[in-house]
Amino acid sequence: MRWCKGLHNPLNRMNSVRLEPSLKLAYVIGVMFGDGSVSFRKSGRSYKYRIRLKVVDREFAEEFKRCLEALGLKPSLRLERDRSRCDRWCVEANSNMSF
């Protein structure tokens, strides 16, 4: 009933990604061919996609985060500390898709 009245939308949990040609999208694609990674996992009737970048350079990670935000995602930025490696900045965003 709330959906019919326009008070609730069951699709609000899905991130709609803006894939129109832009400099931000070109930057994200370039990063993915370089240092980034994309993965997905199937869970029941939905897929969970993840895009991630792990780098030493903080400015690089922050710019990647800004580009993902411009595409409509909600990325997180955190510092990963590891004794066996140098500390790295990790940018990660997730998106769900149902079928």
Protein backbone atom coordinates (compact mmCIF):
# COMPACT_ATOMS: atom_id res chain seq x y z
CA MET A 1 0.00 0.00 0.00
CA ARG A 2 2.85 2.42 0.82
CA TRP A 3 4.43 1.65 -2.56
CA CYS A 4 1.16 2.48 -4.36
CA LYS A 5 0.90 5.79 -2.48
CA GLY A 6 4.49 6.68 -3.47
CA LEU A 7 5.77 6.61 0.12
CA HIS A 8 8.08 3.61 -0.32
CA ASN A 9 10.03 2.10 -3.18
CA PRO A 10 11.27 -1.50 -2.76
CA LEU A 11 14.09 -0.85 -5.26
CA ASN A 12 15.73 1.87 -3.11
CA ARG A 13 18.37 -0.56 -1.87
CA MET A 14 19.89 -0.96 -5.33
CA ASN A 15 22.52 1.48 -6.49
CA SER A 16 21.81 2.84 -9.93
CA VAL A 17 25.11 3.42 -11.66
CA ARG A 18 25.41 6.22 -14.23
CA LEU A 19 27.27 4.75 -17.19
CA GLU A 20 26.95 7.66 -19.64
CA PRO A 21 30.30 8.53 -21.28
CA SER A 22 32.22 10.93 -19.02
CA LEU A 23 35.73 11.67 -17.81
CA LYS A 24 34.94 10.06 -14.43
CA LEU A 25 33.82 6.82 -16.08
CA ALA A 26 36.91 6.83 -18.30
CA TYR A 27 39.08 7.28 -15.19
CA VAL A 28 37.42 4.32 -13.44
CA ILE A 29 37.83 2.10 -16.51
CA GLY A 30 41.50 3.09 -16.78
CA VAL A 31 42.10 2.26 -13.12
CA MET A 32 40.41 -1.11 -13.58
CA PHE A 33 42.75 -1.99 -16.46
CA GLY A 34 45.67 -0.93 -14.26
CA ASP A 35 45.59 -1.52 -10.50
CA GLY A 36 41.91 -2.17 -9.73
CA SER A 37 39.82 -5.31 -9.53
CA VAL A 38 36.18 -6.27 -10.06
CA SER A 39 34.48 -9.33 -8.63
CA PHE A 40 30.95 -10.66 -8.24
CA ARG A 41 29.24 -13.28 -6.15
CA LYS A 42 25.88 -14.94 -6.77
CA SER A 43 23.63 -15.28 -3.76
CA GLY A 44 20.23 -16.82 -4.47
CA ARG A 45 18.48 -14.69 -7.08
CA SER A 46 20.84 -11.74 -6.85
CA TYR A 47 24.41 -10.81 -7.67
CA LYS A 48 26.74 -8.71 -5.55
CA TYR A 49 29.35 -6.79 -7.53
CA ARG A 50 32.46 -5.27 -5.93
CA ILE A 51 34.98 -2.84 -7.37
CA ARG A 52 38.20 -2.36 -5.39
CA LEU A 53 41.52 -0.55 -5.53
CA LYS A 54 44.45 -1.06 -3.14
CA VAL A 55 47.34 1.39 -3.50
CA VAL A 56 50.05 3.11 -1.46
CA ASP A 57 49.26 6.61 -2.81
CA ARG A 58 46.47 8.29 -0.82
CA GLU A 59 45.69 10.96 -3.45
CA PHE A 60 45.20 8.25 -6.10
CA ALA A 61 42.77 6.41 -3.82
CA GLU A 62 40.86 9.60 -2.98
CA GLU A 63 40.46 10.53 -6.67
CA PHE A 64 39.21 7.02 -7.47
CA LYS A 65 36.70 7.35 -4.62
CA ARG A 66 35.46 10.70 -5.98
CA CYS A 67 35.01 9.20 -9.45
CA LEU A 68 33.00 6.27 -8.07
CA GLU A 69 30.79 8.71 -6.16
CA ALA A 70 30.19 10.66 -9.38
CA LEU A 71 28.97 7.42 -10.98
CA GLY A 72 26.39 6.92 -8.22
CA LEU A 73 28.19 4.42 -5.97
CA LYS A 74 28.94 4.79 -2.25
CA PRO A 75 32.58 3.77 -1.87
CA SER A 76 34.50 3.41 1.37
CA LEU A 77 38.11 4.49 1.88
CA ARG A 78 40.26 2.92 4.58
CA LEU A 79 43.90 2.35 5.42
CA GLU A 80 45.00 -1.28 5.65
CA ARG A 81 47.95 -1.85 7.94
CA ASP A 82 50.01 -5.00 7.46
CA ARG A 83 53.35 -5.90 9.06
CA SER A 84 54.49 -8.01 6.12
CA ARG A 85 53.72 -5.29 3.52
CA CYS A 86 53.64 -1.51 3.43
CA ASP A 87 50.37 0.16 4.44
CA ARG A 88 47.87 0.50 1.61
CA TRP A 89 44.75 2.57 0.97
CA CYS A 90 41.73 0.52 -0.02
CA VAL A 91 38.73 1.95 -1.90
CA GLU A 92 35.78 -0.40 -2.24
CA ALA A 93 32.22 -0.06 -3.53
CA ASN A 94 29.46 -2.67 -3.77
CA SER A 95 26.31 -2.91 -5.84
CA ASN A 96 23.52 -5.50 -5.84
CA MET A 97 21.49 -6.66 -8.82
CA SER A 98 18.46 -8.95 -8.73
CA PHE A 99 16.95 -10.94 -11.56
